[in-house]
């Protein structure tokens, strides 16, 4: 992986991540410029299947002021994901199971400067699972503090 542009920290807190995939995105020129300027937010984004193709919805890619309105893009529009057929079938089967979804984890440029998105098959966490995660995080922080003072 290359330079990370945006990360969806909320996904790590709200879901158990089972399997991760790397996908390409179909983008216009103004969208790539917005991504290079790091005007991206994946917080509320989700992936849905339409006619056996995966699409990213509700991911915000901001416009630049220098972009002409004729060539500008829709900031929260849908964007097609580029995946292998086997990966698409695997994800579609997973989503058909109860409680599973596909979430966007991070957006980045790969080694050849192509925009890629990391997505994962995820299962939603219950409230008590989230509480346990917070408790573990606090304990780790306290241990690190104690070690530092020691």
N, C-alpha and C. Protein backbone atom coordinates (compact mmCIF):
# COMPACT_ATOMS: atom_id res chain seq x y z
N UNK A 1 0.83 -1.18 0.00
CA UNK A 1 0.00 0.00 0.00
C UNK A 1 0.87 1.25 0.00
N UNK A 2 0.36 2.27 -0.64
CA UNK A 2 1.08 3.53 -0.72
C UNK A 2 0.58 4.52 0.30
N UNK A 3 0.37 5.73 -0.16
CA UNK A 3 -0.03 6.84 0.70
C UNK A 3 -1.52 6.76 1.04
N UNK A 4 -1.86 6.70 2.33
CA UNK A 4 -3.25 6.65 2.76
C UNK A 4 -3.87 8.04 2.70
N UNK A 5 -5.03 8.14 2.06
CA UNK A 5 -5.73 9.41 1.92
C UNK A 5 -6.77 9.57 3.02
N UNK A 6 -7.62 8.56 3.19
CA UNK A 6 -8.68 8.64 4.19
C UNK A 6 -8.87 7.29 4.84
N UNK A 7 -9.22 7.29 6.12
CA UNK A 7 -9.45 6.06 6.87
C UNK A 7 -10.82 6.15 7.53
N UNK A 8 -11.51 5.02 7.59
CA UNK A 8 -12.82 4.96 8.23
C UNK A 8 -12.65 4.32 9.60
N UNK A 9 -12.29 5.12 10.60
CA UNK A 9 -12.03 4.60 11.94
C UNK A 9 -13.31 4.06 12.58
N UNK A 10 -14.45 4.63 12.20
CA UNK A 10 -15.74 4.21 12.75
C UNK A 10 -16.04 2.75 12.40
N UNK A 11 -15.60 2.31 11.22
CA UNK A 11 -15.85 0.93 10.80
C UNK A 11 -15.14 -0.07 11.71
N UNK A 12 -13.92 0.27 12.16
CA UNK A 12 -13.19 -0.62 13.05
C UNK A 12 -13.88 -0.73 14.41
N UNK A 13 -14.58 0.31 14.82
CA UNK A 13 -15.28 0.32 16.11
C UNK A 13 -16.65 -0.35 16.01
N UNK A 14 -17.36 -0.17 14.90
CA UNK A 14 -18.73 -0.65 14.77
C UNK A 14 -18.86 -2.08 14.24
N UNK A 15 -17.80 -2.63 13.67
CA UNK A 15 -17.91 -3.94 13.01
C UNK A 15 -16.76 -4.87 13.38
N UNK A 16 -17.05 -6.19 13.32
CA UNK A 16 -16.01 -7.21 13.32
C UNK A 16 -15.62 -7.42 11.87
N UNK A 17 -14.37 -7.18 11.52
CA UNK A 17 -13.94 -7.30 10.13
C UNK A 17 -13.48 -8.73 9.87
N UNK A 18 -14.05 -9.35 8.84
CA UNK A 18 -13.74 -10.75 8.57
C UNK A 18 -12.72 -10.93 7.46
N UNK A 19 -12.99 -10.37 6.29
CA UNK A 19 -12.08 -10.55 5.16
C UNK A 19 -11.94 -9.22 4.42
N UNK A 20 -10.70 -8.87 4.10
CA UNK A 20 -10.45 -7.59 3.43
C UNK A 20 -10.13 -7.80 1.95
N UNK A 21 -10.53 -6.81 1.14
CA UNK A 21 -10.28 -6.82 -0.29
C UNK A 21 -9.77 -5.46 -0.73
N UNK A 22 -9.04 -5.46 -1.85
CA UNK A 22 -8.59 -4.22 -2.47
C UNK A 22 -9.35 -4.06 -3.78
N UNK A 23 -9.93 -2.88 -3.98
CA UNK A 23 -10.72 -2.63 -5.19
C UNK A 23 -10.29 -1.33 -5.84
N UNK A 24 -10.45 -1.27 -7.14
CA UNK A 24 -10.24 -0.03 -7.86
C UNK A 24 -11.54 0.76 -7.87
N UNK A 25 -11.46 2.02 -8.26
CA UNK A 25 -12.64 2.89 -8.33
C UNK A 25 -12.73 3.52 -9.71
N UNK A 26 -13.94 3.64 -10.23
CA UNK A 26 -14.14 4.37 -11.47
C UNK A 26 -14.37 5.83 -11.08
N UNK A 27 -13.43 6.70 -11.46
CA UNK A 27 -13.46 8.10 -11.05
C UNK A 27 -13.30 9.02 -12.26
N UNK A 28 -13.80 10.24 -12.10
CA UNK A 28 -13.55 11.27 -13.12
C UNK A 28 -12.31 12.06 -12.70
N UNK A 29 -11.83 12.92 -13.58
CA UNK A 29 -10.62 13.69 -13.30
C UNK A 29 -10.76 14.61 -12.10
N UNK A 30 -11.92 15.28 -11.97
CA UNK A 30 -12.10 16.20 -10.85
C UNK A 30 -12.16 15.44 -9.53
N UNK A 31 -12.64 14.19 -9.55
CA UNK A 31 -12.66 13.38 -8.33
C UNK A 31 -11.25 13.01 -7.89
N UNK A 32 -10.40 12.67 -8.85
CA UNK A 32 -9.02 12.33 -8.52
C UNK A 32 -8.30 13.54 -7.94
N UNK A 33 -8.58 14.72 -8.50
CA UNK A 33 -7.96 15.94 -7.97
C UNK A 33 -8.43 16.20 -6.54
N UNK A 34 -9.71 15.97 -6.27
CA UNK A 34 -10.23 16.12 -4.91
C UNK A 34 -9.59 15.13 -3.95
N UNK A 35 -9.34 13.91 -4.43
CA UNK A 35 -8.69 12.89 -3.60
C UNK A 35 -7.24 13.28 -3.31
N UNK A 36 -6.55 13.77 -4.34
CA UNK A 36 -5.15 14.21 -4.14
C UNK A 36 -5.06 15.34 -3.12
N UNK A 37 -6.10 16.19 -3.08
CA UNK A 37 -6.13 17.29 -2.11
C UNK A 37 -6.62 16.81 -0.74
N UNK A 38 -6.87 15.49 -0.61
CA UNK A 38 -7.32 14.86 0.64
C UNK A 38 -8.66 15.40 1.13
N UNK A 39 -9.56 15.67 0.20
CA UNK A 39 -10.91 16.12 0.55
C UNK A 39 -11.86 14.93 0.49
N UNK A 40 -11.59 13.93 1.33
CA UNK A 40 -12.36 12.69 1.29
C UNK A 40 -12.85 12.34 2.69
N UNK A 41 -14.08 11.81 2.77
CA UNK A 41 -14.63 11.33 4.02
C UNK A 41 -15.37 10.02 3.75
N UNK A 42 -14.93 8.95 4.39
CA UNK A 42 -15.54 7.63 4.21
C UNK A 42 -16.45 7.24 5.36
N UNK A 43 -16.67 8.13 6.31
CA UNK A 43 -17.35 7.80 7.56
C UNK A 43 -18.72 7.14 7.35
N UNK A 44 -19.57 7.70 6.53
CA UNK A 44 -20.93 7.18 6.36
C UNK A 44 -21.09 6.34 5.10
N UNK A 45 -20.00 5.95 4.48
CA UNK A 45 -20.09 5.25 3.19
C UNK A 45 -20.46 3.78 3.38
N UNK A 46 -21.04 3.21 2.35
CA UNK A 46 -21.41 1.80 2.35
C UNK A 46 -21.35 1.28 0.92
N UNK A 47 -21.31 -0.05 0.79
CA UNK A 47 -21.23 -0.69 -0.52
C UNK A 47 -22.49 -1.51 -0.73
N UNK A 48 -23.07 -1.36 -1.91
CA UNK A 48 -24.29 -2.08 -2.26
C UNK A 48 -24.13 -2.70 -3.64
N UNK A 49 -24.80 -3.82 -3.87
CA UNK A 49 -24.75 -4.49 -5.16
C UNK A 49 -25.94 -4.07 -6.02
N UNK A 50 -25.66 -3.69 -7.26
CA UNK A 50 -26.70 -3.39 -8.24
C UNK A 50 -26.37 -4.17 -9.49
N UNK A 51 -27.25 -5.09 -9.88
CA UNK A 51 -27.06 -5.94 -11.06
C UNK A 51 -25.69 -6.62 -11.05
N UNK A 52 -25.35 -7.28 -9.98
CA UNK A 52 -24.09 -8.02 -9.82
C UNK A 52 -22.84 -7.17 -9.93
N UNK A 53 -22.95 -5.86 -9.68
CA UNK A 53 -21.80 -4.98 -9.64
C UNK A 53 -21.81 -4.23 -8.31
N UNK A 54 -20.63 -4.00 -7.76
CA UNK A 54 -20.52 -3.32 -6.47
C UNK A 54 -20.34 -1.82 -6.68
N UNK A 55 -21.07 -1.03 -5.88
CA UNK A 55 -21.00 0.42 -5.93
C UNK A 55 -20.76 0.98 -4.54
N UNK A 56 -19.96 2.03 -4.47
CA UNK A 56 -19.70 2.75 -3.23
C UNK A 56 -20.65 3.93 -3.16
N UNK A 57 -21.43 4.00 -2.10
CA UNK A 57 -22.39 5.08 -1.92
C UNK A 57 -22.01 5.96 -0.73
N UNK A 58 -22.39 7.21 -0.80
CA UNK A 58 -22.30 8.17 0.30
C UNK A 58 -20.87 8.50 0.76
N UNK A 59 -19.88 8.19 -0.06
CA UNK A 59 -18.51 8.61 0.26
C UNK A 59 -18.35 10.04 -0.27
N UNK A 60 -17.91 10.93 0.57
CA UNK A 60 -17.80 12.34 0.19
C UNK A 60 -16.42 12.62 -0.40
N UNK A 61 -16.40 13.07 -1.66
CA UNK A 61 -15.16 13.53 -2.29
C UNK A 61 -15.40 14.98 -2.68
N UNK A 62 -14.72 15.89 -2.01
CA UNK A 62 -14.95 17.32 -2.21
C UNK A 62 -14.41 17.84 -3.53
N UNK A 63 -15.01 18.94 -3.97
CA UNK A 63 -14.56 19.62 -5.20
C UNK A 63 -13.49 20.65 -4.85
N UNK A 64 -12.65 20.95 -5.84
CA UNK A 64 -11.69 22.03 -5.70
C UNK A 64 -12.31 23.31 -6.26
N UNK A 65 -11.89 24.44 -5.75
CA UNK A 65 -12.41 25.72 -6.25
C UNK A 65 -11.98 25.97 -7.69
N UNK A 66 -10.85 25.39 -8.08
CA UNK A 66 -10.32 25.62 -9.42
C UNK A 66 -11.02 24.78 -10.49
N UNK A 67 -11.85 23.81 -10.06
CA UNK A 67 -12.54 22.95 -11.03
C UNK A 67 -13.71 23.71 -11.66
N UNK A 68 -13.79 23.69 -12.96
CA UNK A 68 -14.90 24.34 -13.66
C UNK A 68 -16.19 23.58 -13.37
N UNK A 69 -17.30 24.29 -13.18
CA UNK A 69 -18.56 23.65 -12.79
C UNK A 69 -19.04 22.63 -13.83
N UNK A 70 -18.68 22.80 -15.08
CA UNK A 70 -19.08 21.88 -16.14
C UNK A 70 -18.43 20.51 -15.95
N UNK A 71 -17.18 20.50 -15.47
CA UNK A 71 -16.43 19.26 -15.29
C UNK A 71 -16.49 18.72 -13.87
N UNK A 72 -17.17 19.43 -12.97
CA UNK A 72 -17.17 19.00 -11.58
C UNK A 72 -18.05 17.76 -11.39
N UNK A 73 -17.88 17.11 -10.27
CA UNK A 73 -18.56 15.84 -9.98
C UNK A 73 -19.55 16.01 -8.84
N UNK A 74 -20.38 15.00 -8.66
CA UNK A 74 -21.31 14.97 -7.55
C UNK A 74 -20.53 14.52 -6.31
N UNK A 75 -20.57 15.31 -5.23
CA UNK A 75 -19.71 15.04 -4.08
C UNK A 75 -20.05 13.73 -3.37
N UNK A 76 -21.33 13.40 -3.25
CA UNK A 76 -21.74 12.16 -2.58
C UNK A 76 -22.35 11.16 -3.56
N UNK A 77 -21.91 11.17 -4.80
CA UNK A 77 -22.46 10.29 -5.82
C UNK A 77 -22.03 8.84 -5.64
N UNK A 78 -22.61 7.96 -6.45
CA UNK A 78 -22.21 6.55 -6.40
C UNK A 78 -21.00 6.34 -7.31
N UNK A 79 -20.12 5.45 -6.89
CA UNK A 79 -18.92 5.15 -7.66
C UNK A 79 -18.76 3.65 -7.78
N UNK A 80 -18.53 3.18 -9.00
CA UNK A 80 -18.42 1.75 -9.25
C UNK A 80 -17.08 1.22 -8.74
N UNK A 81 -17.11 0.04 -8.14
CA UNK A 81 -15.90 -0.62 -7.66
C UNK A 81 -15.45 -1.66 -8.68
N UNK A 82 -14.16 -1.73 -8.89
CA UNK A 82 -13.59 -2.67 -9.84
C UNK A 82 -13.00 -3.85 -9.08
N UNK A 83 -13.64 -5.02 -9.22
CA UNK A 83 -13.21 -6.23 -8.52
C UNK A 83 -13.25 -7.42 -9.46
N UNK A 84 -12.55 -8.48 -9.09
CA UNK A 84 -12.61 -9.72 -9.85
C UNK A 84 -13.95 -10.40 -9.61
N UNK A 85 -14.40 -11.18 -10.57
CA UNK A 85 -15.70 -11.84 -10.48
C UNK A 85 -15.80 -12.76 -9.25
N UNK A 86 -14.72 -13.49 -8.95
CA UNK A 86 -14.71 -14.38 -7.79
C UNK A 86 -14.91 -13.60 -6.48
N UNK A 87 -14.24 -12.45 -6.41
CA UNK A 87 -14.38 -11.61 -5.21
C UNK A 87 -15.80 -11.08 -5.08
N UNK A 88 -16.38 -10.66 -6.20
CA UNK A 88 -17.76 -10.17 -6.18
C UNK A 88 -18.72 -11.25 -5.71
N UNK A 89 -18.56 -12.47 -6.22
CA UNK A 89 -19.44 -13.57 -5.82
C UNK A 89 -19.29 -13.88 -4.33
N UNK A 90 -18.05 -13.88 -3.86
CA UNK A 90 -17.78 -14.16 -2.44
C UNK A 90 -18.45 -13.12 -1.54
N UNK A 91 -18.33 -11.85 -1.93
CA UNK A 91 -18.94 -10.77 -1.15
C UNK A 91 -20.46 -10.84 -1.19
N UNK A 92 -21.01 -11.14 -2.36
CA UNK A 92 -22.46 -11.20 -2.50
C UNK A 92 -23.04 -12.32 -1.62
N UNK A 93 -22.37 -13.48 -1.58
CA UNK A 93 -22.80 -14.57 -0.71
C UNK A 93 -22.76 -14.15 0.75
N UNK A 94 -21.69 -13.45 1.13
CA UNK A 94 -21.54 -13.01 2.52
C UNK A 94 -22.64 -12.03 2.91
N UNK A 95 -22.99 -11.13 2.02
CA UNK A 95 -24.00 -10.11 2.33
C UNK A 95 -25.39 -10.75 2.47
N UNK A 96 -25.62 -11.85 1.75
CA UNK A 96 -26.92 -12.52 1.84
C UNK A 96 -27.11 -13.21 3.18
N UNK A 97 -26.02 -13.49 3.89
CA UNK A 97 -26.13 -14.04 5.25
C UNK A 97 -26.62 -12.95 6.18
N UNK A 98 -27.20 -13.35 7.30
CA UNK A 98 -27.77 -12.39 8.25
C UNK A 98 -26.69 -11.61 8.99
N UNK A 99 -26.85 -10.31 9.07
CA UNK A 99 -25.97 -9.47 9.87
C UNK A 99 -24.66 -9.07 9.22
N UNK A 100 -24.41 -9.47 7.99
CA UNK A 100 -23.16 -9.14 7.32
C UNK A 100 -23.36 -7.98 6.34
N UNK A 101 -22.33 -7.18 6.21
CA UNK A 101 -22.34 -6.05 5.29
C UNK A 101 -20.93 -5.85 4.74
N UNK A 102 -20.81 -4.92 3.82
CA UNK A 102 -19.48 -4.59 3.28
C UNK A 102 -19.22 -3.12 3.57
N UNK A 103 -18.09 -2.84 4.18
CA UNK A 103 -17.74 -1.46 4.55
C UNK A 103 -16.43 -1.04 3.92
N UNK A 104 -16.32 0.25 3.68
CA UNK A 104 -15.07 0.83 3.17
C UNK A 104 -14.17 1.14 4.36
N UNK A 105 -12.91 0.71 4.29
CA UNK A 105 -11.98 0.92 5.39
C UNK A 105 -11.05 2.09 5.14
N UNK A 106 -10.41 2.11 3.96
CA UNK A 106 -9.51 3.22 3.68
C UNK A 106 -9.34 3.42 2.18
N UNK A 107 -8.98 4.64 1.83
CA UNK A 107 -8.74 5.03 0.45
C UNK A 107 -7.28 5.43 0.35
N UNK A 108 -6.59 4.95 -0.69
CA UNK A 108 -5.15 5.23 -0.79
C UNK A 108 -4.70 5.14 -2.24
N UNK A 109 -3.50 5.66 -2.49
CA UNK A 109 -2.84 5.50 -3.78
C UNK A 109 -1.91 4.31 -3.67
N UNK A 110 -1.95 3.39 -4.65
CA UNK A 110 -1.03 2.27 -4.61
C UNK A 110 0.33 2.71 -5.16
N UNK A 111 1.22 1.76 -5.35
CA UNK A 111 2.60 2.07 -5.76
C UNK A 111 2.64 2.80 -7.10
N UNK A 112 1.71 2.44 -8.02
CA UNK A 112 1.70 3.06 -9.34
C UNK A 112 0.79 4.29 -9.41
N UNK A 113 0.49 4.89 -8.25
CA UNK A 113 -0.33 6.10 -8.16
C UNK A 113 -1.75 5.92 -8.70
N UNK A 114 -2.33 4.77 -8.47
CA UNK A 114 -3.72 4.51 -8.84
C UNK A 114 -4.54 4.50 -7.56
N UNK A 115 -5.72 5.12 -7.59
CA UNK A 115 -6.57 5.18 -6.40
C UNK A 115 -7.18 3.80 -6.14
N UNK A 116 -6.99 3.31 -4.93
CA UNK A 116 -7.55 2.03 -4.51
C UNK A 116 -8.32 2.24 -3.22
N UNK A 117 -9.28 1.34 -2.98
CA UNK A 117 -10.05 1.39 -1.74
C UNK A 117 -9.99 0.01 -1.09
N UNK A 118 -9.78 -0.01 0.21
CA UNK A 118 -9.78 -1.27 0.93
C UNK A 118 -11.17 -1.44 1.54
N UNK A 119 -11.80 -2.58 1.22
CA UNK A 119 -13.13 -2.87 1.73
C UNK A 119 -13.08 -4.18 2.49
N UNK A 120 -14.08 -4.42 3.33
CA UNK A 120 -14.07 -5.64 4.13
C UNK A 120 -15.49 -6.16 4.31
N UNK A 121 -15.59 -7.50 4.40
CA UNK A 121 -16.84 -8.13 4.81
C UNK A 121 -16.88 -7.99 6.32
N UNK A 122 -17.99 -7.45 6.84
CA UNK A 122 -18.04 -7.13 8.27
C UNK A 122 -19.36 -7.57 8.88
N UNK A 123 -19.30 -7.86 10.18
CA UNK A 123 -20.50 -8.21 10.95
C UNK A 123 -20.65 -7.16 12.04
N UNK A 124 -21.84 -6.63 12.18
CA UNK A 124 -22.09 -5.57 13.15
C UNK A 124 -21.85 -6.00 14.59
N UNK A 125 -21.29 -5.09 15.39
CA UNK A 125 -21.05 -5.37 16.80
C UNK A 125 -22.27 -4.98 17.62
N UNK A 126 -22.48 -5.70 18.70
CA UNK A 126 -23.51 -5.34 19.66
C UNK A 126 -22.93 -4.31 20.63
N UNK A 127 -23.78 -3.69 21.43
CA UNK A 127 -23.35 -2.65 22.36
C UNK A 127 -22.33 -3.19 23.37
N UNK A 128 -22.56 -4.42 23.87
CA UNK A 128 -21.62 -4.97 24.87
C UNK A 128 -20.25 -5.25 24.25
N UNK A 129 -20.20 -5.58 22.96
CA UNK A 129 -18.91 -5.78 22.29
C UNK A 129 -18.13 -4.46 22.23
N UNK A 130 -18.85 -3.38 21.92
CA UNK A 130 -18.20 -2.07 21.84
C UNK A 130 -17.67 -1.65 23.21
N UNK A 131 -18.46 -1.95 24.26
CA UNK A 131 -18.02 -1.62 25.62
C UNK A 131 -16.75 -2.39 25.98
N UNK A 132 -16.69 -3.67 25.60
CA UNK A 132 -15.49 -4.48 25.86
C UNK A 132 -14.28 -3.90 25.15
N UNK A 133 -14.46 -3.45 23.90
CA UNK A 133 -13.35 -2.85 23.15
C UNK A 133 -12.85 -1.59 23.85
N UNK A 134 -13.77 -0.75 24.32
CA UNK A 134 -13.37 0.47 25.02
C UNK A 134 -12.64 0.14 26.32
N UNK A 135 -13.12 -0.89 27.03
CA UNK A 135 -12.49 -1.30 28.29
C UNK A 135 -11.06 -1.78 28.04
N UNK A 136 -10.87 -2.61 26.99
CA UNK A 136 -9.54 -3.09 26.65
C UNK A 136 -8.61 -1.95 26.26
N UNK A 137 -9.15 -1.00 25.51
CA UNK A 137 -8.36 0.16 25.09
C UNK A 137 -7.88 0.97 26.30
N UNK A 138 -8.80 1.17 27.27
CA UNK A 138 -8.44 1.89 28.50
C UNK A 138 -7.36 1.15 29.28
N UNK A 139 -7.50 -0.18 29.38
CA UNK A 139 -6.52 -0.98 30.12
C UNK A 139 -5.15 -0.90 29.47
N UNK A 140 -5.11 -0.98 28.15
CA UNK A 140 -3.83 -0.88 27.43
C UNK A 140 -3.19 0.48 27.66
N UNK A 141 -4.00 1.55 27.63
CA UNK A 141 -3.49 2.90 27.84
C UNK A 141 -2.93 3.03 29.25
N UNK A 142 -3.65 2.47 30.25
CA UNK A 142 -3.18 2.53 31.64
C UNK A 142 -1.87 1.76 31.82
N UNK A 143 -1.78 0.58 31.18
CA UNK A 143 -0.55 -0.20 31.27
C UNK A 143 0.62 0.54 30.64
N UNK A 144 0.38 1.17 29.49
CA UNK A 144 1.45 1.92 28.82
C UNK A 144 1.91 3.09 29.69
N UNK A 145 0.95 3.75 30.33
CA UNK A 145 1.28 4.86 31.23
C UNK A 145 2.11 4.39 32.41
N UNK A 146 1.71 3.26 32.99
CA UNK A 146 2.44 2.72 34.14
C UNK A 146 3.86 2.32 33.74
N UNK A 147 4.00 1.72 32.58
CA UNK A 147 5.33 1.31 32.11
C UNK A 147 6.20 2.54 31.85
N UNK A 148 5.59 3.58 31.33
CA UNK A 148 6.34 4.81 31.03
C UNK A 148 6.86 5.45 32.32
N UNK A 149 6.00 5.49 33.35
CA UNK A 149 6.37 6.08 34.63
C UNK A 149 7.38 5.20 35.38
N UNK A 150 7.33 3.90 35.15
CA UNK A 150 8.22 2.98 35.83
C UNK A 150 9.61 3.17 35.32
